[in-house]
Amino acid sequence: MMAETEDRKEYTLNIGKVNIYSFLMIVPIATIYFFPFIFIWDYETFDLGRKEFMKLLIFVFVFGIILHELLHGITWALFAKRGFRSIKFGINGLTPYCHCKEPLKVKHYRLGGMMPLLIMGIIPAIAGLMIGNGLFLCIGIFFTWTAGGDIMSLFMLQKIDNETMVSDHPDKMGFYITE
């Protein structure tokens, strides 16, 4: 959703729709990683990793939430004038969040938005695929999937110039673009 004022445009996502779309993303995400893994290795190798993953699910989930938000915050803090003083962590309903309280260039905001996807999703999945580790693959699938909202935000940013200033929305999932 986009709303305009005189000097800035608001780009936000409805959290309910984000959760539904993110849930639906599990099928294509799993397919992208799963079938090459099965083709290169085999189902039994995947299944062993899946069973290990299920044993660790609560730990992976709790640790993952914290690490996901920290990766956003650390990356944005690197580019924020006030560093970590500009970063706020919290929970909105059942949804954990990281909020940057000062404007950043789109390229820096984008980088912070993609770090959990890259570090926790794509890299473990590719490592699992390369070395035949089903646990790494499952971790990669899970954290690529949990970055669904971030992926949607990145798509909203795709046509915006890297040097444009963007402000994280303080109350909604999304941001403002300053013109």
N, C-alpha and C. Protein backbone atom coordinates (compact mmCIF):
# COMPACT_ATOMS: atom_id res chain seq x y z
N MET A 1 0.85 -1.17 0.00
CA MET A 1 0.00 0.00 0.00
C MET A 1 0.89 1.23 0.00
N MET A 2 0.52 2.26 -0.78
CA MET A 2 1.31 3.46 -0.84
C MET A 2 0.41 4.66 -0.54
N ALA A 3 0.83 5.52 0.39
CA ALA A 3 0.12 6.76 0.70
C ALA A 3 1.10 7.90 0.53
N GLU A 4 0.60 9.06 0.08
CA GLU A 4 1.49 10.19 -0.16
C GLU A 4 1.16 11.37 0.72
N THR A 5 2.22 12.09 1.13
CA THR A 5 2.08 13.41 1.72
C THR A 5 2.89 14.33 0.82
N GLU A 6 3.05 15.58 1.22
CA GLU A 6 3.74 16.54 0.36
C GLU A 6 5.19 16.17 0.08
N ASP A 7 5.92 15.68 1.08
CA ASP A 7 7.35 15.45 0.91
C ASP A 7 7.78 14.00 1.01
N ARG A 8 6.85 13.10 1.29
CA ARG A 8 7.25 11.70 1.40
C ARG A 8 6.10 10.77 1.02
N LYS A 9 6.49 9.57 0.59
CA LYS A 9 5.52 8.53 0.22
C LYS A 9 5.64 7.41 1.24
N GLU A 10 4.50 6.88 1.65
CA GLU A 10 4.46 5.78 2.60
C GLU A 10 4.23 4.48 1.84
N TYR A 11 5.10 3.52 2.10
CA TYR A 11 4.98 2.18 1.54
C TYR A 11 4.82 1.22 2.71
N THR A 12 3.65 0.62 2.85
CA THR A 12 3.42 -0.29 3.96
C THR A 12 2.76 -1.58 3.48
N LEU A 13 2.90 -2.60 4.30
CA LEU A 13 2.30 -3.90 4.04
C LEU A 13 1.37 -4.25 5.18
N ASN A 14 0.22 -4.79 4.87
CA ASN A 14 -0.70 -5.27 5.89
C ASN A 14 -0.12 -6.55 6.48
N ILE A 15 0.08 -6.57 7.79
CA ILE A 15 0.74 -7.69 8.45
C ILE A 15 -0.02 -9.00 8.25
N GLY A 16 -1.33 -8.94 8.20
CA GLY A 16 -2.12 -10.15 7.96
C GLY A 16 -1.85 -10.72 6.58
N LYS A 17 -1.82 -9.85 5.56
CA LYS A 17 -1.53 -10.30 4.20
C LYS A 17 -0.09 -10.79 4.09
N VAL A 18 0.83 -10.11 4.77
CA VAL A 18 2.23 -10.54 4.75
C VAL A 18 2.34 -11.96 5.30
N ASN A 19 1.65 -12.22 6.39
CA ASN A 19 1.70 -13.56 6.99
C ASN A 19 1.11 -14.61 6.05
N ILE A 20 0.02 -14.28 5.38
CA ILE A 20 -0.59 -15.22 4.43
C ILE A 20 0.34 -15.46 3.25
N TYR A 21 0.86 -14.38 2.64
CA TYR A 21 1.77 -14.54 1.50
C TYR A 21 3.04 -15.27 1.90
N SER A 22 3.57 -14.95 3.07
CA SER A 22 4.77 -15.64 3.54
C SER A 22 4.50 -17.13 3.73
N PHE A 23 3.34 -17.45 4.29
CA PHE A 23 2.98 -18.86 4.46
C PHE A 23 2.93 -19.57 3.12
N LEU A 24 2.36 -18.91 2.11
CA LEU A 24 2.24 -19.52 0.78
C LEU A 24 3.59 -19.64 0.08
N MET A 25 4.56 -18.83 0.50
CA MET A 25 5.89 -18.87 -0.13
C MET A 25 6.66 -20.15 0.20
N ILE A 26 6.24 -20.89 1.22
CA ILE A 26 7.00 -22.09 1.62
C ILE A 26 7.09 -23.10 0.48
N VAL A 27 6.05 -23.24 -0.32
CA VAL A 27 6.08 -24.23 -1.40
C VAL A 27 7.13 -23.89 -2.45
N PRO A 28 7.14 -22.66 -3.02
CA PRO A 28 8.19 -22.39 -4.01
C PRO A 28 9.60 -22.36 -3.39
N ILE A 29 9.72 -21.86 -2.18
CA ILE A 29 11.03 -21.81 -1.53
C ILE A 29 11.56 -23.23 -1.32
N ALA A 30 10.75 -24.08 -0.75
CA ALA A 30 11.17 -25.47 -0.51
C ALA A 30 11.50 -26.17 -1.83
N THR A 31 10.71 -25.92 -2.86
CA THR A 31 10.93 -26.55 -4.16
C THR A 31 12.27 -26.13 -4.76
N ILE A 32 12.58 -24.84 -4.67
CA ILE A 32 13.84 -24.33 -5.23
C ILE A 32 15.05 -25.02 -4.61
N TYR A 33 14.99 -25.27 -3.31
CA TYR A 33 16.12 -25.90 -2.62
C TYR A 33 16.03 -27.43 -2.61
N PHE A 34 14.84 -27.96 -2.43
CA PHE A 34 14.65 -29.39 -2.20
C PHE A 34 15.01 -30.24 -3.42
N PHE A 35 14.45 -29.92 -4.58
CA PHE A 35 14.65 -30.78 -5.74
C PHE A 35 16.11 -30.86 -6.20
N PRO A 36 16.85 -29.75 -6.24
CA PRO A 36 18.28 -29.90 -6.57
C PRO A 36 19.02 -30.77 -5.54
N PHE A 37 18.66 -30.62 -4.26
CA PHE A 37 19.31 -31.43 -3.22
C PHE A 37 19.05 -32.91 -3.47
N ILE A 38 17.80 -33.27 -3.73
CA ILE A 38 17.44 -34.67 -3.97
C ILE A 38 18.12 -35.19 -5.23
N PHE A 39 18.21 -34.35 -6.24
CA PHE A 39 18.85 -34.75 -7.50
C PHE A 39 20.34 -35.02 -7.29
N ILE A 40 21.02 -34.14 -6.54
CA ILE A 40 22.46 -34.28 -6.32
C ILE A 40 22.76 -35.35 -5.29
N TRP A 41 22.03 -35.35 -4.21
CA TRP A 41 22.30 -36.28 -3.11
C TRP A 41 21.22 -37.36 -3.14
N ASP A 42 20.33 -37.40 -2.17
CA ASP A 42 19.21 -38.34 -2.20
C ASP A 42 18.22 -37.96 -1.10
N TYR A 43 17.06 -38.58 -1.14
CA TYR A 43 16.03 -38.24 -0.16
C TYR A 43 16.44 -38.65 1.25
N GLU A 44 17.10 -39.76 1.41
CA GLU A 44 17.49 -40.22 2.75
C GLU A 44 18.39 -39.21 3.45
N THR A 45 19.32 -38.62 2.70
CA THR A 45 20.21 -37.60 3.27
C THR A 45 19.40 -36.39 3.72
N PHE A 46 18.45 -35.99 2.89
CA PHE A 46 17.56 -34.90 3.28
C PHE A 46 16.76 -35.27 4.53
N ASP A 47 16.20 -36.46 4.53
CA ASP A 47 15.34 -36.89 5.63
C ASP A 47 16.09 -36.95 6.96
N LEU A 48 17.34 -37.37 6.94
CA LEU A 48 18.16 -37.35 8.17
C LEU A 48 18.28 -35.92 8.70
N GLY A 49 18.56 -34.99 7.80
CA GLY A 49 18.66 -33.58 8.19
C GLY A 49 17.35 -33.03 8.69
N ARG A 50 16.26 -33.43 8.04
CA ARG A 50 14.93 -32.98 8.46
C ARG A 50 14.61 -33.45 9.87
N LYS A 51 14.96 -34.68 10.17
CA LYS A 51 14.72 -35.22 11.52
C LYS A 51 15.56 -34.48 12.56
N GLU A 52 16.82 -34.17 12.23
CA GLU A 52 17.66 -33.39 13.15
C GLU A 52 17.06 -32.00 13.36
N PHE A 53 16.60 -31.40 12.26
CA PHE A 53 15.99 -30.07 12.33
C PHE A 53 14.78 -30.07 13.25
N MET A 54 13.93 -31.08 13.12
CA MET A 54 12.72 -31.15 13.95
C MET A 54 13.06 -31.27 15.43
N LYS A 55 14.14 -31.98 15.75
CA LYS A 55 14.58 -32.09 17.15
C LYS A 55 15.04 -30.74 17.70
N LEU A 56 15.57 -29.91 16.82
CA LEU A 56 16.13 -28.61 17.23
C LEU A 56 15.17 -27.45 16.98
N LEU A 57 13.96 -27.73 16.54
CA LEU A 57 13.05 -26.68 16.05
C LEU A 57 12.83 -25.55 17.05
N ILE A 58 12.54 -25.85 18.30
CA ILE A 58 12.28 -24.78 19.28
C ILE A 58 13.51 -23.90 19.44
N PHE A 59 14.67 -24.53 19.59
CA PHE A 59 15.92 -23.77 19.72
C PHE A 59 16.18 -22.93 18.47
N VAL A 60 16.05 -23.55 17.29
CA VAL A 60 16.27 -22.85 16.03
C VAL A 60 15.31 -21.67 15.90
N PHE A 61 14.06 -21.89 16.27
CA PHE A 61 13.03 -20.85 16.17
C PHE A 61 13.35 -19.67 17.07
N VAL A 62 13.60 -19.92 18.36
CA VAL A 62 13.86 -18.83 19.31
C VAL A 62 15.17 -18.12 18.98
N PHE A 63 16.24 -18.89 18.79
CA PHE A 63 17.53 -18.31 18.44
C PHE A 63 17.43 -17.55 17.12
N GLY A 64 16.69 -18.13 16.18
CA GLY A 64 16.54 -17.52 14.86
C GLY A 64 15.83 -16.18 14.89
N ILE A 65 14.79 -16.06 15.70
CA ILE A 65 14.08 -14.78 15.81
C ILE A 65 15.04 -13.70 16.29
N ILE A 66 15.79 -14.02 17.32
CA ILE A 66 16.73 -13.05 17.89
C ILE A 66 17.80 -12.68 16.87
N LEU A 67 18.40 -13.69 16.24
CA LEU A 67 19.45 -13.43 15.26
C LEU A 67 18.92 -12.66 14.05
N HIS A 68 17.73 -13.00 13.59
CA HIS A 68 17.12 -12.31 12.45
C HIS A 68 17.04 -10.81 12.70
N GLU A 69 16.46 -10.45 13.85
CA GLU A 69 16.30 -9.03 14.16
C GLU A 69 17.65 -8.36 14.43
N LEU A 70 18.57 -9.07 15.06
CA LEU A 70 19.91 -8.53 15.30
C LEU A 70 20.64 -8.23 13.99
N LEU A 71 20.49 -9.10 13.01
CA LEU A 71 21.14 -8.86 11.71
C LEU A 71 20.61 -7.59 11.05
N HIS A 72 19.29 -7.37 11.13
CA HIS A 72 18.75 -6.09 10.64
C HIS A 72 19.40 -4.94 11.40
N GLY A 73 19.35 -5.01 12.72
CA GLY A 73 19.82 -3.93 13.57
C GLY A 73 21.30 -3.64 13.41
N ILE A 74 22.13 -4.66 13.40
CA ILE A 74 23.58 -4.46 13.27
C ILE A 74 23.90 -3.80 11.93
N THR A 75 23.27 -4.28 10.88
CA THR A 75 23.55 -3.73 9.55
C THR A 75 23.10 -2.27 9.47
N TRP A 76 21.88 -1.99 9.91
CA TRP A 76 21.41 -0.60 9.86
C TRP A 76 22.24 0.30 10.76
N ALA A 77 22.66 -0.20 11.91
CA ALA A 77 23.47 0.60 12.84
C ALA A 77 24.80 1.00 12.21
N LEU A 78 25.33 0.17 11.34
CA LEU A 78 26.59 0.50 10.66
C LEU A 78 26.47 1.76 9.81
N PHE A 79 25.27 2.03 9.32
CA PHE A 79 25.05 3.16 8.41
C PHE A 79 24.30 4.32 9.06
N ALA A 80 23.75 4.11 10.23
CA ALA A 80 23.02 5.17 10.94
C ALA A 80 24.01 6.12 11.61
N LYS A 81 23.76 7.39 11.54
CA LYS A 81 24.65 8.39 12.15
C LYS A 81 24.83 8.14 13.64
N ARG A 82 23.77 7.74 14.30
CA ARG A 82 23.83 7.51 15.75
C ARG A 82 24.08 6.04 16.11
N GLY A 83 24.39 5.23 15.14
CA GLY A 83 24.71 3.83 15.38
C GLY A 83 23.57 3.09 16.07
N PHE A 84 23.92 2.28 17.07
CA PHE A 84 22.92 1.47 17.76
C PHE A 84 21.91 2.29 18.56
N ARG A 85 22.20 3.55 18.82
CA ARG A 85 21.22 4.40 19.51
C ARG A 85 20.00 4.66 18.63
N SER A 86 20.14 4.42 17.33
CA SER A 86 19.03 4.60 16.40
C SER A 86 18.24 3.32 16.16
N ILE A 87 18.61 2.24 16.81
CA ILE A 87 17.97 0.96 16.59
C ILE A 87 17.08 0.61 17.78
N LYS A 88 15.87 0.17 17.46
CA LYS A 88 14.91 -0.24 18.50
C LYS A 88 14.41 -1.64 18.16
N PHE A 89 14.38 -2.50 19.16
CA PHE A 89 13.86 -3.85 19.02
C PHE A 89 12.59 -3.98 19.84
N GLY A 90 11.66 -4.81 19.39
CA GLY A 90 10.44 -5.02 20.16
C GLY A 90 9.58 -6.11 19.56
N ILE A 91 8.38 -6.21 20.10
CA ILE A 91 7.39 -7.17 19.62
C ILE A 91 6.07 -6.43 19.44
N ASN A 92 5.48 -6.55 18.26
CA ASN A 92 4.20 -5.94 17.95
C ASN A 92 3.19 -7.07 17.80
N GLY A 93 2.36 -7.27 18.82
CA GLY A 93 1.47 -8.42 18.83
C GLY A 93 2.31 -9.66 19.04
N LEU A 94 2.37 -10.53 18.05
CA LEU A 94 3.22 -11.71 18.10
C LEU A 94 4.43 -11.58 17.16
N THR A 95 4.59 -10.41 16.55
CA THR A 95 5.62 -10.23 15.54
C THR A 95 6.81 -9.45 16.09
N PRO A 96 7.98 -10.08 16.19
CA PRO A 96 9.18 -9.35 16.61
C PRO A 96 9.59 -8.38 15.50
N TYR A 97 10.23 -7.28 15.89
CA TYR A 97 10.67 -6.32 14.88
C TYR A 97 11.96 -5.63 15.31
N CYS A 98 12.60 -5.05 14.30
CA CYS A 98 13.74 -4.16 14.49
C CYS A 98 13.38 -2.90 13.73
N HIS A 99 13.55 -1.75 14.37
CA HIS A 99 13.18 -0.48 13.77
C HIS A 99 14.37 0.46 13.82
N CYS A 100 14.70 1.08 12.69
CA CYS A 100 15.73 2.11 12.64
C CYS A 100 15.04 3.46 12.74
N LYS A 101 15.43 4.26 13.73
CA LYS A 101 14.75 5.52 14.01
C LYS A 101 15.26 6.69 13.19
N GLU A 102 16.23 6.48 12.33
CA GLU A 102 16.70 7.58 11.48
C GLU A 102 16.73 7.15 10.02
N PRO A 103 16.63 8.11 9.11
CA PRO A 103 16.63 7.78 7.68
C PRO A 103 17.98 7.19 7.25
N LEU A 104 17.91 6.30 6.28
CA LEU A 104 19.09 5.70 5.67
C LEU A 104 18.96 5.80 4.16
N LYS A 105 20.08 5.69 3.47
CA LYS A 105 20.01 5.57 2.02
C LYS A 105 19.35 4.23 1.69
N VAL A 106 18.62 4.20 0.59
CA VAL A 106 17.92 2.98 0.19
C VAL A 106 18.89 1.81 0.12
N LYS A 107 20.10 2.01 -0.43
CA LYS A 107 21.05 0.90 -0.56
C LYS A 107 21.44 0.32 0.80
N HIS A 108 21.49 1.15 1.83
CA HIS A 108 21.83 0.68 3.17
C HIS A 108 20.63 0.01 3.84
N TYR A 109 19.47 0.58 3.63
CA TYR A 109 18.23 0.00 4.17
C TYR A 109 17.99 -1.38 3.53
N ARG A 110 18.20 -1.45 2.22
CA ARG A 110 18.05 -2.71 1.48
C ARG A 110 19.01 -3.77 2.03
N LEU A 111 20.26 -3.38 2.25
CA LEU A 111 21.26 -4.31 2.76
C LEU A 111 20.83 -4.87 4.12
N GLY A 112 20.37 -3.99 5.01
CA GLY A 112 19.87 -4.44 6.31
C GLY A 112 18.65 -5.32 6.18
N GLY A 113 17.82 -5.04 5.19
CA GLY A 113 16.62 -5.84 4.98
C GLY A 113 16.92 -7.24 4.46
N MET A 114 18.02 -7.36 3.71
CA MET A 114 18.33 -8.67 3.12
C MET A 114 19.27 -9.54 3.95
N MET A 115 19.90 -8.98 4.98
CA MET A 115 20.91 -9.74 5.72
C MET A 115 20.37 -11.03 6.36
N PRO A 116 19.22 -11.03 7.04
CA PRO A 116 18.73 -12.31 7.59
C PRO A 116 18.47 -13.35 6.50
N LEU A 117 17.90 -12.92 5.39
CA LEU A 117 17.65 -13.83 4.27
C LEU A 117 18.96 -14.44 3.77
N LEU A 118 19.95 -13.61 3.59
CA LEU A 118 21.23 -14.06 3.07
C LEU A 118 21.99 -14.94 4.07
N ILE A 119 22.19 -14.44 5.28
CA ILE A 119 23.01 -15.12 6.28
C ILE A 119 22.33 -16.37 6.84
N MET A 120 21.04 -16.29 7.08
CA MET A 120 20.34 -17.39 7.74
C MET A 120 19.60 -18.31 6.76
N GLY A 121 19.30 -17.81 5.56
CA GLY A 121 18.53 -18.60 4.61
C GLY A 121 19.34 -19.11 3.44
N ILE A 122 19.79 -18.20 2.60
CA ILE A 122 20.44 -18.59 1.35
C ILE A 122 21.78 -19.29 1.59
N ILE A 123 22.63 -18.73 2.43
CA ILE A 123 23.96 -19.33 2.65
C ILE A 123 23.87 -20.74 3.25
N PRO A 124 23.09 -20.96 4.32
CA PRO A 124 22.99 -22.35 4.82
C PRO A 124 22.39 -23.31 3.80
N ALA A 125 21.40 -22.85 3.02
CA ALA A 125 20.79 -23.73 2.02
C ALA A 125 21.80 -24.11 0.95
N ILE A 126 22.56 -23.15 0.47
CA ILE A 126 23.58 -23.44 -0.56
C ILE A 126 24.67 -24.34 0.02
N ALA A 127 25.08 -24.06 1.27
CA ALA A 127 26.09 -24.91 1.92
C ALA A 127 25.56 -26.34 2.04
N GLY A 128 24.31 -26.49 2.46
CA GLY A 128 23.71 -27.81 2.57
C GLY A 128 23.66 -28.52 1.24
N LEU A 129 23.32 -27.78 0.21
CA LEU A 129 23.26 -28.34 -1.14
C LEU A 129 24.65 -28.77 -1.61
N MET A 130 25.66 -27.96 -1.33
CA MET A 130 27.01 -28.26 -1.79
C MET A 130 27.65 -29.44 -1.05
N ILE A 131 27.42 -29.55 0.25
CA ILE A 131 28.10 -30.59 1.02
C ILE A 131 27.20 -31.78 1.36
N GLY A 132 25.95 -31.72 0.93
CA GLY A 132 25.03 -32.82 1.18
C GLY A 132 24.58 -32.91 2.61
N ASN A 133 24.31 -31.75 3.22
CA ASN A 133 23.89 -31.71 4.62
C ASN A 133 22.41 -31.31 4.68
N GLY A 134 21.56 -32.25 5.00
CA GLY A 134 20.12 -32.02 5.06
C GLY A 134 19.71 -31.05 6.15
N LEU A 135 20.44 -31.04 7.27
CA LEU A 135 20.14 -30.09 8.35
C LEU A 135 20.36 -28.66 7.88
N PHE A 136 21.50 -28.39 7.25
CA PHE A 136 21.76 -27.05 6.73
C PHE A 136 20.70 -26.65 5.71
N LEU A 137 20.32 -27.62 4.87
CA LEU A 137 19.29 -27.33 3.87
C LEU A 137 17.98 -26.94 4.55
N CYS A 138 17.57 -27.70 5.56
CA CYS A 138 16.31 -27.39 6.27
C CYS A 138 16.38 -26.04 6.97
N ILE A 139 17.51 -25.73 7.58
CA ILE A 139 17.70 -24.42 8.21
C ILE A 139 17.57 -23.32 7.16
N GLY A 140 18.21 -23.53 6.01
CA GLY A 140 18.12 -22.55 4.93
C GLY A 140 16.71 -22.36 4.41
N ILE A 141 15.99 -23.45 4.24
CA ILE A 141 14.60 -23.37 3.79
C ILE A 141 13.77 -22.61 4.82
N PHE A 142 13.92 -22.98 6.09
CA PHE A 142 13.14 -22.36 7.16
C PHE A 142 13.38 -20.85 7.23
N PHE A 143 14.65 -20.44 7.20
CA PHE A 143 14.94 -19.02 7.37
C PHE A 143 14.77 -18.21 6.08
N THR A 144 14.78 -18.85 4.94
CA THR A 144 14.37 -18.15 3.72
C THR A 144 12.88 -17.87 3.81
N TRP A 145 12.15 -18.86 4.26
CA TRP A 145 10.70 -18.71 4.42
C TRP A 145 10.36 -17.64 5.44
N THR A 146 11.04 -17.61 6.59
CA THR A 146 10.71 -16.62 7.62
C THR A 146 11.12 -15.21 7.23
N ALA A 147 11.88 -15.07 6.15
CA ALA A 147 12.23 -13.74 5.64
C ALA A 147 11.22 -13.26 4.59
N GLY A 148 10.06 -13.88 4.54
CA GLY A 148 9.05 -13.53 3.55
C GLY A 148 8.66 -12.06 3.56
N GLY A 149 8.46 -11.49 4.75
CA GLY A 149 8.12 -10.06 4.84
C GLY A 149 9.26 -9.19 4.35
N ASP A 150 10.48 -9.59 4.66
CA ASP A 150 11.65 -8.84 4.18
C ASP A 150 11.73 -8.89 2.66
N ILE A 151 11.45 -10.07 2.09
CA ILE A 151 11.46 -10.22 0.63
C ILE A 151 10.43 -9.28 0.00
N MET A 152 9.24 -9.20 0.59
CA MET A 152 8.20 -8.30 0.06
C MET A 152 8.64 -6.84 0.16
N SER A 153 9.27 -6.47 1.27
CA SER A 153 9.78 -5.10 1.42
C SER A 153 10.86 -4.80 0.38
N LEU A 154 11.73 -5.76 0.14
CA LEU A 154 12.78 -5.57 -0.87
C LEU A 154 12.18 -5.37 -2.25
N PHE A 155 11.10 -6.07 -2.56
CA PHE A 155 10.43 -5.87 -3.85
C PHE A 155 9.84 -4.47 -3.94
N MET A 156 9.33 -3.95 -2.84
CA MET A 156 8.78 -2.58 -2.85
C MET A 156 9.88 -1.55 -3.09
N LEU A 157 11.11 -1.88 -2.73
CA LEU A 157 12.24 -0.96 -2.88
C LEU A 157 12.93 -1.08 -4.24
N GLN A 158 12.60 -2.07 -5.03
CA GLN A 158 13.40 -2.39 -6.21
C GLN A 158 13.51 -1.26 -7.24
N LYS A 159 12.53 -0.40 -7.38
CA LYS A 159 12.59 0.66 -8.39
C LYS A 159 13.00 2.01 -7.81
N ILE A 160 13.39 2.02 -6.55
CA ILE A 160 13.77 3.27 -5.89
C ILE A 160 15.28 3.42 -5.93
N ASP A 161 15.74 4.59 -6.30
CA ASP A 161 17.17 4.87 -6.44
C ASP A 161 17.93 4.61 -5.13
N ASN A 162 19.12 4.04 -5.26
CA ASN A 162 19.96 3.69 -4.11
C ASN A 162 20.29 4.86 -3.19
N GLU A 163 20.36 6.06 -3.73
CA GLU A 163 20.77 7.23 -2.93
C GLU A 163 19.59 7.94 -2.27
N THR A 164 18.37 7.54 -2.61
CA THR A 164 17.17 8.12 -2.00
C THR A 164 17.14 7.78 -0.52
N MET A 165 16.64 8.71 0.27
CA MET A 165 16.55 8.48 1.72
C MET A 165 15.24 7.76 2.04
N VAL A 166 15.36 6.75 2.90
CA VAL A 166 14.21 5.95 3.32
C VAL A 166 14.17 5.94 4.84
N SER A 167 12.97 6.04 5.38
CA SER A 167 12.77 5.99 6.83
C SER A 167 11.90 4.78 7.15
N ASP A 168 12.37 3.99 8.08
CA ASP A 168 11.61 2.84 8.55
C ASP A 168 10.30 3.36 9.16
N HIS A 169 9.19 2.72 8.85
CA HIS A 169 7.91 3.14 9.42
C HIS A 169 7.91 2.78 10.91
N PRO A 170 7.55 3.72 11.78
CA PRO A 170 7.63 3.45 13.22
C PRO A 170 6.55 2.50 13.75
N ASP A 171 5.42 2.39 13.04
CA ASP A 171 4.30 1.60 13.57
C ASP A 171 3.83 0.46 12.67
N LYS A 172 4.16 0.52 11.40
CA LYS A 172 3.68 -0.46 10.43
C LYS A 172 4.86 -1.17 9.77
N MET A 173 4.56 -2.26 9.11
CA MET A 173 5.61 -2.93 8.35
C MET A 173 5.77 -2.17 7.03
N GLY A 174 6.87 -1.47 6.92
CA GLY A 174 7.11 -0.69 5.72
C GLY A 174 8.01 0.49 6.00
N PHE A 175 7.91 1.50 5.13
CA PHE A 175 8.86 2.61 5.18
C PHE A 175 8.27 3.84 4.49
N TYR A 176 8.97 4.96 4.67
CA TYR A 176 8.67 6.21 3.96
C TYR A 176 9.85 6.52 3.05
N ILE A 177 9.55 7.04 1.85
CA ILE A 177 10.57 7.52 0.95
C ILE A 177 10.47 9.04 0.95
N THR A 178 11.59 9.70 1.24
CA THR A 178 11.62 11.17 1.25
C THR A 178 12.02 11.66 -0.12
N GLU A 179 11.23 12.59 -0.61
CA GLU A 179 11.51 13.14 -1.97
C GLU A 179 12.06 14.53 -1.87
